[in-house]
Amino acid sequence: MTTQVLPHSFAQRLRAFYSLTKPRVVSLIVFTAVIGMFLATPGMVPAVTLLAATVGIFFVAGAAAAVNCLVEQKIDAVMKRTQSSR
């Protein structure tokens, strides 16, 4: 079995994509949505529905985080709390 080394630029892009989508925050959003699905259903949530909704919520929340970074770019540059994270 051989191991492929990722090109430097691809690894950087992957790391940037990862941080742009805020996976730690998104996982909390997904967790609360899943809990809400269980509380809203008078039995067990169907597995296909649970999986599809979880994946969909993860993608939508990640996209919202990316759009938020783009929209608030100028604000984050001047805020004391966020200007050092650039």
PDB file of N, CA and C in Angstrom:
ATOM      1  N   MET A   1       0.846  -1.181   0.000  1.00  0.00           N
ATOM      2  CA  MET A   1       0.000   0.000   0.000  1.00  0.00           C
ATOM      3  C   MET A   1       0.888   1.240   0.000  1.00  0.00           C
ATOM      4  N   THR A   2       0.622   2.151  -0.921  1.00  0.00           N
ATOM      5  CA  THR A   2       1.413   3.370  -1.001  1.00  0.00           C
ATOM      6  C   THR A   2       0.640   4.532  -0.415  1.00  0.00           C
ATOM      7  N   THR A   3       1.376   5.484   0.071  1.00  0.00           N
ATOM      8  CA  THR A   3       0.769   6.678   0.648  1.00  0.00           C
ATOM      9  C   THR A   3       1.025   7.853  -0.271  1.00  0.00           C
ATOM     10  N   GLN A   4      -0.012   8.588  -0.579  1.00  0.00           N
ATOM     11  CA  GLN A   4       0.137   9.767  -1.413  1.00  0.00           C
ATOM     12  C   GLN A   4       0.254  10.991  -0.529  1.00  0.00           C
ATOM     13  N   VAL A   5       1.170  11.848  -0.886  1.00  0.00           N
ATOM     14  CA  VAL A   5       1.334  13.102  -0.166  1.00  0.00           C
ATOM     15  C   VAL A   5       0.503  14.154  -0.884  1.00  0.00           C
ATOM     16  N   LEU A   6      -0.329  14.855  -0.137  1.00  0.00           N
ATOM     17  CA  LEU A   6      -1.150  15.908  -0.727  1.00  0.00           C
ATOM     18  C   LEU A   6      -0.288  17.084  -1.146  1.00  0.00           C
ATOM     19  N   PRO A   7      -0.574  17.674  -2.286  1.00  0.00           N
ATOM     20  CA  PRO A   7       0.156  18.879  -2.674  1.00  0.00           C
ATOM     21  C   PRO A   7      -0.042  19.961  -1.610  1.00  0.00           C
ATOM     22  N   HIS A   8       0.973  20.734  -1.410  1.00  0.00           N
ATOM     23  CA  HIS A   8       0.944  21.764  -0.373  1.00  0.00           C
ATOM     24  C   HIS A   8      -0.251  22.687  -0.525  1.00  0.00           C
ATOM     25  N   SER A   9      -0.542  23.101  -1.729  1.00  0.00           N
ATOM     26  CA  SER A   9      -1.653  24.034  -1.934  1.00  0.00           C
ATOM     27  C   SER A   9      -3.000  23.371  -1.645  1.00  0.00           C
ATOM     28  N   PHE A  10      -3.141  22.075  -1.980  1.00  0.00           N
ATOM     29  CA  PHE A  10      -4.395  21.380  -1.692  1.00  0.00           C
ATOM     30  C   PHE A  10      -4.595  21.238  -0.186  1.00  0.00           C
ATOM     31  N   ALA A  11      -3.548  20.919   0.530  1.00  0.00           N
ATOM     32  CA  ALA A  11      -3.639  20.796   1.989  1.00  0.00           C
ATOM     33  C   ALA A  11      -4.014  22.131   2.614  1.00  0.00           C
ATOM     34  N   GLN A  12      -3.445  23.195   2.102  1.00  0.00           N
ATOM     35  CA  GLN A  12      -3.792  24.523   2.614  1.00  0.00           C
ATOM     36  C   GLN A  12      -5.247  24.858   2.320  1.00  0.00           C
ATOM     37  N   ARG A  13      -5.709  24.522   1.146  1.00  0.00           N
ATOM     38  CA  ARG A  13      -7.105  24.776   0.789  1.00  0.00           C
ATOM     39  C   ARG A  13      -8.047  23.959   1.661  1.00  0.00           C
ATOM     40  N   LEU A  14      -7.677  22.722   1.904  1.00  0.00           N
ATOM     41  CA  LEU A  14      -8.504  21.872   2.749  1.00  0.00           C
ATOM     42  C   LEU A  14      -8.573  22.417   4.171  1.00  0.00           C
ATOM     43  N   ARG A  15      -7.449  22.871   4.687  1.00  0.00           N
ATOM     44  CA  ARG A  15      -7.407  23.462   6.031  1.00  0.00           C
ATOM     45  C   ARG A  15      -8.233  24.742   6.086  1.00  0.00           C
ATOM     46  N   ALA A  16      -8.143  25.561   5.035  1.00  0.00           N
ATOM     47  CA  ALA A  16      -8.925  26.803   4.973  1.00  0.00           C
ATOM     48  C   ALA A  16     -10.416  26.496   4.895  1.00  0.00           C
ATOM     49  N   PHE A  17     -10.787  25.497   4.079  1.00  0.00           N
ATOM     50  CA  PHE A  17     -12.186  25.096   3.974  1.00  0.00           C
ATOM     51  C   PHE A  17     -12.703  24.612   5.323  1.00  0.00           C
ATOM     52  N   TYR A  18     -11.882  23.835   6.013  1.00  0.00           N
ATOM     53  CA  TYR A  18     -12.258  23.308   7.329  1.00  0.00           C
ATOM     54  C   TYR A  18     -12.520  24.446   8.311  1.00  0.00           C
ATOM     55  N   SER A  19     -11.618  25.414   8.376  1.00  0.00           N
ATOM     56  CA  SER A  19     -11.806  26.510   9.323  1.00  0.00           C
ATOM     57  C   SER A  19     -12.926  27.450   8.896  1.00  0.00           C
ATOM     58  N   LEU A  20     -13.152  27.577   7.599  1.00  0.00           N
ATOM     59  CA  LEU A  20     -14.209  28.458   7.094  1.00  0.00           C
ATOM     60  C   LEU A  20     -15.599  27.944   7.444  1.00  0.00           C
ATOM     61  N   THR A  21     -15.767  26.631   7.459  1.00  0.00           N
ATOM     62  CA  THR A  21     -17.086  26.058   7.730  1.00  0.00           C
ATOM     63  C   THR A  21     -17.362  25.877   9.220  1.00  0.00           C
ATOM     64  N   LYS A  22     -16.422  26.197  10.087  1.00  0.00           N
ATOM     65  CA  LYS A  22     -16.603  26.168  11.546  1.00  0.00           C
ATOM     66  C   LYS A  22     -17.223  24.848  12.034  1.00  0.00           C
ATOM     67  N   PRO A  23     -16.529  23.721  11.833  1.00  0.00           N
ATOM     68  CA  PRO A  23     -17.131  22.416  12.164  1.00  0.00           C
ATOM     69  C   PRO A  23     -17.476  22.233  13.642  1.00  0.00           C
ATOM     70  N   ARG A  24     -16.757  22.866  14.551  1.00  0.00           N
ATOM     71  CA  ARG A  24     -17.099  22.715  15.977  1.00  0.00           C
ATOM     72  C   ARG A  24     -18.439  23.371  16.285  1.00  0.00           C
ATOM     73  N   VAL A  25     -18.660  24.545  15.741  1.00  0.00           N
ATOM     74  CA  VAL A  25     -19.930  25.238  15.949  1.00  0.00           C
ATOM     75  C   VAL A  25     -21.056  24.504  15.230  1.00  0.00           C
ATOM     76  N   VAL A  26     -20.775  24.064  14.012  1.00  0.00           N
ATOM     77  CA  VAL A  26     -21.771  23.357  13.217  1.00  0.00           C
ATOM     78  C   VAL A  26     -22.185  22.057  13.907  1.00  0.00           C
ATOM     79  N   SER A  27     -21.242  21.372  14.529  1.00  0.00           N
ATOM     80  CA  SER A  27     -21.596  20.128  15.218  1.00  0.00           C
ATOM     81  C   SER A  27     -22.564  20.378  16.374  1.00  0.00           C
ATOM     82  N   LEU A  28     -22.446  21.512  17.031  1.00  0.00           N
ATOM     83  CA  LEU A  28     -23.398  21.857  18.095  1.00  0.00           C
ATOM     84  C   LEU A  28     -24.790  22.137  17.509  1.00  0.00           C
ATOM     85  N   ILE A  29     -24.817  22.784  16.357  1.00  0.00           N
ATOM     86  CA  ILE A  29     -26.092  23.047  15.684  1.00  0.00           C
ATOM     87  C   ILE A  29     -26.749  21.734  15.280  1.00  0.00           C
ATOM     88  N   VAL A  30     -25.965  20.833  14.713  1.00  0.00           N
ATOM     89  CA  VAL A  30     -26.485  19.533  14.295  1.00  0.00           C
ATOM     90  C   VAL A  30     -26.977  18.747  15.508  1.00  0.00           C
ATOM     91  N   PHE A  31     -26.230  18.785  16.580  1.00  0.00           N
ATOM     92  CA  PHE A  31     -26.618  18.062  17.797  1.00  0.00           C
ATOM     93  C   PHE A  31     -27.974  18.546  18.311  1.00  0.00           C
ATOM     94  N   THR A  32     -28.155  19.851  18.389  1.00  0.00           N
ATOM     95  CA  THR A  32     -29.429  20.364  18.892  1.00  0.00           C
ATOM     96  C   THR A  32     -30.576  20.052  17.928  1.00  0.00           C
ATOM     97  N   ALA A  33     -30.286  20.044  16.636  1.00  0.00           N
ATOM     98  CA  ALA A  33     -31.333  19.699  15.659  1.00  0.00           C
ATOM     99  C   ALA A  33     -31.741  18.234  15.788  1.00  0.00           C
ATOM    100  N   VAL A  34     -30.778  17.364  16.003  1.00  0.00           N
ATOM    101  CA  VAL A  34     -31.083  15.936  16.171  1.00  0.00           C
ATOM    102  C   VAL A  34     -31.902  15.711  17.439  1.00  0.00           C
ATOM    103  N   ILE A  35     -31.529  16.380  18.506  1.00  0.00           N
ATOM    104  CA  ILE A  35     -32.306  16.273  19.747  1.00  0.00           C
ATOM    105  C   ILE A  35     -33.735  16.763  19.497  1.00  0.00           C
ATOM    106  N   GLY A  36     -33.875  17.847  18.749  1.00  0.00           N
ATOM    107  CA  GLY A  36     -35.198  18.362  18.404  1.00  0.00           C
ATOM    108  C   GLY A  36     -36.010  17.372  17.594  1.00  0.00           C
ATOM    109  N   MET A  37     -35.353  16.653  16.676  1.00  0.00           N
ATOM    110  CA  MET A  37     -36.068  15.631  15.896  1.00  0.00           C
ATOM    111  C   MET A  37     -36.594  14.524  16.802  1.00  0.00           C
ATOM    112  N   PHE A  38     -35.789  14.099  17.757  1.00  0.00           N
ATOM    113  CA  PHE A  38     -36.230  13.047  18.674  1.00  0.00           C
ATOM    114  C   PHE A  38     -37.366  13.523  19.576  1.00  0.00           C
ATOM    115  N   LEU A  39     -37.301  14.779  19.998  1.00  0.00           N
ATOM    116  CA  LEU A  39     -38.354  15.307  20.858  1.00  0.00           C
ATOM    117  C   LEU A  39     -39.654  15.565  20.091  1.00  0.00           C
ATOM    118  N   ALA A  40     -39.559  15.842  18.802  1.00  0.00           N
ATOM    119  CA  ALA A  40     -40.746  16.164  18.011  1.00  0.00           C
ATOM    120  C   ALA A  40     -41.465  14.934  17.473  1.00  0.00           C
ATOM    121  N   THR A  41     -40.829  13.796  17.521  1.00  0.00           N
ATOM    122  CA  THR A  41     -41.405  12.580  16.964  1.00  0.00           C
ATOM    123  C   THR A  41     -41.922  11.687  18.078  1.00  0.00           C
ATOM    124  N   PRO A  42     -43.167  11.217  17.977  1.00  0.00           N
ATOM    125  CA  PRO A  42     -43.735  10.393  19.052  1.00  0.00           C
ATOM    126  C   PRO A  42     -43.234   8.951  19.044  1.00  0.00           C
ATOM    127  N   GLY A  43     -42.147   8.672  18.514  1.00  0.00           N
ATOM    128  CA  GLY A  43     -41.561   7.337  18.500  1.00  0.00           C
ATOM    129  C   GLY A  43     -40.120   7.491  18.091  1.00  0.00           C
ATOM    130  N   MET A  44     -39.646   6.534  17.355  1.00  0.00           N
ATOM    131  CA  MET A  44     -38.281   6.622  16.840  1.00  0.00           C
ATOM    132  C   MET A  44     -38.288   7.378  15.509  1.00  0.00           C
ATOM    133  N   VAL A  45     -37.310   8.221  15.324  1.00  0.00           N
ATOM    134  CA  VAL A  45     -37.166   8.931  14.055  1.00  0.00           C
ATOM    135  C   VAL A  45     -36.690   7.911  13.020  1.00  0.00           C
ATOM    136  N   PRO A  46     -37.336   7.851  11.857  1.00  0.00           N
ATOM    137  CA  PRO A  46     -36.873   6.916  10.823  1.00  0.00           C
ATOM    138  C   PRO A  46     -35.403   7.164  10.474  1.00  0.00           C
ATOM    139  N   ALA A  47     -34.642   6.100  10.338  1.00  0.00           N
ATOM    140  CA  ALA A  47     -33.197   6.201  10.134  1.00  0.00           C
ATOM    141  C   ALA A  47     -32.832   7.008   8.888  1.00  0.00           C
ATOM    142  N   VAL A  48     -33.554   6.819   7.800  1.00  0.00           N
ATOM    143  CA  VAL A  48     -33.259   7.553   6.562  1.00  0.00           C
ATOM    144  C   VAL A  48     -33.508   9.040   6.762  1.00  0.00           C
ATOM    145  N   THR A  49     -34.595   9.374   7.415  1.00  0.00           N
ATOM    146  CA  THR A  49     -34.911  10.775   7.697  1.00  0.00           C
ATOM    147  C   THR A  49     -33.860  11.388   8.610  1.00  0.00           C
ATOM    148  N   LEU A  50     -33.481  10.662   9.632  1.00  0.00           N
ATOM    149  CA  LEU A  50     -32.466  11.145  10.577  1.00  0.00           C
ATOM    150  C   LEU A  50     -31.141  11.400   9.869  1.00  0.00           C
ATOM    151  N   LEU A  51     -30.704  10.467   9.050  1.00  0.00           N
ATOM    152  CA  LEU A  51     -29.434  10.609   8.343  1.00  0.00           C
ATOM    153  C   LEU A  51     -29.483  11.751   7.333  1.00  0.00           C
ATOM    154  N   ALA A  52     -30.537  11.790   6.529  1.00  0.00           N
ATOM    155  CA  ALA A  52     -30.650  12.839   5.512  1.00  0.00           C
ATOM    156  C   ALA A  52     -30.738  14.228   6.150  1.00  0.00           C
ATOM    157  N   ALA A  53     -31.520  14.342   7.207  1.00  0.00           N
ATOM    158  CA  ALA A  53     -31.651  15.644   7.877  1.00  0.00           C
ATOM    159  C   ALA A  53     -30.348  16.061   8.536  1.00  0.00           C
ATOM    160  N   THR A  54     -29.655  15.128   9.147  1.00  0.00           N
ATOM    161  CA  THR A  54     -28.390  15.439   9.813  1.00  0.00           C
ATOM    162  C   THR A  54     -27.346  15.918   8.811  1.00  0.00           C
ATOM    163  N   VAL A  55     -27.208  15.209   7.711  1.00  0.00           N
ATOM    164  CA  VAL A  55     -26.243  15.607   6.680  1.00  0.00           C
ATOM    165  C   VAL A  55     -26.647  16.947   6.065  1.00  0.00           C
ATOM    166  N   GLY A  56     -27.917  17.122   5.775  1.00  0.00           N
ATOM    167  CA  GLY A  56     -28.390  18.377   5.203  1.00  0.00           C
ATOM    168  C   GLY A  56     -28.175  19.559   6.123  1.00  0.00           C
ATOM    169  N   ILE A  57     -28.478  19.379   7.396  1.00  0.00           N
ATOM    170  CA  ILE A  57     -28.281  20.456   8.367  1.00  0.00           C
ATOM    171  C   ILE A  57     -26.801  20.781   8.497  1.00  0.00           C
ATOM    172  N   PHE A  58     -25.950  19.762   8.475  1.00  0.00           N
ATOM    173  CA  PHE A  58     -24.505  19.985   8.562  1.00  0.00           C
ATOM    174  C   PHE A  58     -24.010  20.823   7.385  1.00  0.00           C
ATOM    175  N   PHE A  59     -24.455  20.484   6.171  1.00  0.00           N
ATOM    176  CA  PHE A  59     -24.026  21.237   4.989  1.00  0.00           C
ATOM    177  C   PHE A  59     -24.573  22.663   4.985  1.00  0.00           C
ATOM    178  N   VAL A  60     -25.822  22.833   5.346  1.00  0.00           N
ATOM    179  CA  VAL A  60     -26.427  24.169   5.349  1.00  0.00           C
ATOM    180  C   VAL A  60     -25.782  25.049   6.424  1.00  0.00           C
ATOM    181  N   ALA A  61     -25.546  24.496   7.600  1.00  0.00           N
ATOM    182  CA  ALA A  61     -24.915  25.276   8.670  1.00  0.00           C
ATOM    183  C   ALA A  61     -23.472  25.628   8.307  1.00  0.00           C
ATOM    184  N   GLY A  62     -22.765  24.719   7.667  1.00  0.00           N
ATOM    185  CA  GLY A  62     -21.404  25.011   7.216  1.00  0.00           C
ATOM    186  C   GLY A  62     -21.379  26.101   6.159  1.00  0.00           C
ATOM    187  N   ALA A  63     -22.328  26.050   5.236  1.00  0.00           N
ATOM    188  CA  ALA A  63     -22.428  27.090   4.214  1.00  0.00           C
ATOM    189  C   ALA A  63     -22.774  28.441   4.841  1.00  0.00           C
ATOM    190  N   ALA A  64     -23.659  28.429   5.829  1.00  0.00           N
ATOM    191  CA  ALA A  64     -24.015  29.676   6.518  1.00  0.00           C
ATOM    192  C   ALA A  64     -22.809  30.257   7.250  1.00  0.00           C
ATOM    193  N   ALA A  65     -21.988  29.400   7.836  1.00  0.00           N
ATOM    194  CA  ALA A  65     -20.776  29.875   8.516  1.00  0.00           C
ATOM    195  C   ALA A  65     -19.814  30.507   7.518  1.00  0.00           C
ATOM    196  N   ALA A  66     -19.681  29.897   6.342  1.00  0.00           N
ATOM    197  CA  ALA A  66     -18.798  30.449   5.311  1.00  0.00           C
ATOM    198  C   ALA A  66     -19.307  31.797   4.810  1.00  0.00           C
ATOM    199  N   VAL A  67     -20.603  31.900   4.575  1.00  0.00           N
ATOM    200  CA  VAL A  67     -21.189  33.175   4.131  1.00  0.00           C
ATOM    201  C   VAL A  67     -21.018  34.232   5.223  1.00  0.00           C
ATOM    202  N   ASN A  68     -21.195  33.832   6.472  1.00  0.00           N
ATOM    203  CA  ASN A  68     -21.019  34.751   7.590  1.00  0.00           C
ATOM    204  C   ASN A  68     -19.595  35.302   7.632  1.00  0.00           C
ATOM    205  N   CYS A  69     -18.603  34.454   7.378  1.00  0.00           N
ATOM    206  CA  CYS A  69     -17.213  34.923   7.349  1.00  0.00           C
ATOM    207  C   CYS A  69     -17.008  35.945   6.240  1.00  0.00           C
ATOM    208  N   LEU A  70     -17.631  35.710   5.118  1.00  0.00           N
ATOM    209  CA  LEU A  70     -17.502  36.629   3.991  1.00  0.00           C
ATOM    210  C   LEU A  70     -18.189  37.959   4.274  1.00  0.00           C
ATOM    211  N   VAL A  71     -19.396  37.904   4.795  1.00  0.00           N
ATOM    212  CA  VAL A  71     -20.177  39.113   5.045  1.00  0.00           C
ATOM    213  C   VAL A  71     -19.548  39.967   6.151  1.00  0.00           C
ATOM    214  N   GLU A  72     -19.039  39.334   7.177  1.00  0.00           N
ATOM    215  CA  GLU A  72     -18.515  40.076   8.322  1.00  0.00           C
ATOM    216  C   GLU A  72     -17.007  40.288   8.273  1.00  0.00           C
ATOM    217  N   GLN A  73     -16.408  40.129   7.118  1.00  0.00           N
ATOM    218  CA  GLN A  73     -14.970  40.266   6.971  1.00  0.00           C
ATOM    219  C   GLN A  73     -14.468  41.644   7.408  1.00  0.00           C
ATOM    220  N   LYS A  74     -15.137  42.702   6.977  1.00  0.00           N
ATOM    221  CA  LYS A  74     -14.705  44.055   7.329  1.00  0.00           C
ATOM    222  C   LYS A  74     -14.936  44.347   8.812  1.00  0.00           C
ATOM    223  N   ILE A  75     -16.041  43.862   9.346  1.00  0.00           N
ATOM    224  CA  ILE A  75     -16.346  44.071  10.767  1.00  0.00           C
ATOM    225  C   ILE A  75     -15.320  43.349  11.640  1.00  0.00           C
ATOM    226  N   ASP A  76     -15.002  42.097  11.273  1.00  0.00           N
ATOM    227  CA  ASP A  76     -14.044  41.325  12.048  1.00  0.00           C
ATOM    228  C   ASP A  76     -12.645  41.930  12.019  1.00  0.00           C
ATOM    229  N   ALA A  77     -12.310  42.640  10.962  1.00  0.00           N
ATOM    230  CA  ALA A  77     -10.988  43.252  10.846  1.00  0.00           C
ATOM    231  C   ALA A  77     -10.788  44.383  11.842  1.00  0.00           C
ATOM    232  N   VAL A  78     -11.871  45.036  12.272  1.00  0.00           N
ATOM    233  CA  VAL A  78     -11.727  46.172  13.182  1.00  0.00           C
ATOM    234  C   VAL A  78     -12.137  45.851  14.619  1.00  0.00           C
ATOM    235  N   MET A  79     -12.792  44.723  14.840  1.00  0.00           N
ATOM    236  CA  MET A  79     -13.162  44.351  16.204  1.00  0.00           C
ATOM    237  C   MET A  79     -11.948  43.811  16.955  1.00  0.00           C
ATOM    238  N   LYS A  80     -11.750  44.265  18.169  1.00  0.00           N
ATOM    239  CA  LYS A  80     -10.594  43.854  18.952  1.00  0.00           C
ATOM    240  C   LYS A  80     -10.561  42.336  19.169  1.00  0.00           C
ATOM    241  N   ARG A  81     -11.719  41.749  19.419  1.00  0.00           N
ATOM    242  CA  ARG A  81     -11.781  40.313  19.704  1.00  0.00           C
ATOM    243  C   ARG A  81     -11.425  39.462  18.497  1.00  0.00           C
ATOM    244  N   THR A  82     -11.766  39.910  17.290  1.00  0.00           N
ATOM    245  CA  THR A  82     -11.593  39.079  16.108  1.00  0.00           C
ATOM    246  C   THR A  82     -10.449  39.506  15.191  1.00  0.00           C
ATOM    247  N   GLN A  83      -9.836  40.639  15.408  1.00  0.00           N
ATOM    248  CA  GLN A  83      -8.814  41.091  14.471  1.00  0.00           C
ATOM    249  C   GLN A  83      -7.532  40.265  14.578  1.00  0.00           C
ATOM    250  N   SER A  84      -7.268  39.629  15.693  1.00  0.00           N
ATOM    251  CA  SER A  84      -6.051  38.821  15.820  1.00  0.00           C
ATOM    252  C   SER A  84      -6.224  37.427  15.233  1.00  0.00           C
ATOM    253  N   SER A  85      -7.434  37.014  14.907  1.00  0.00           N
ATOM    254  CA  SER A  85      -7.666  35.673  14.353  1.00  0.00           C
ATOM    255  C   SER A  85      -7.498  35.642  12.834  1.00  0.00           C
ATOM    256  N   ARG A  86      -7.084  36.703  12.235  1.00  0.00           N
ATOM    257  CA  ARG A  86      -6.911  36.751  10.780  1.00  0.00           C
ATOM    258  C   ARG A  86      -5.564  36.267  10.381  1.00  0.00           C
TER     259      ARG A  86
END
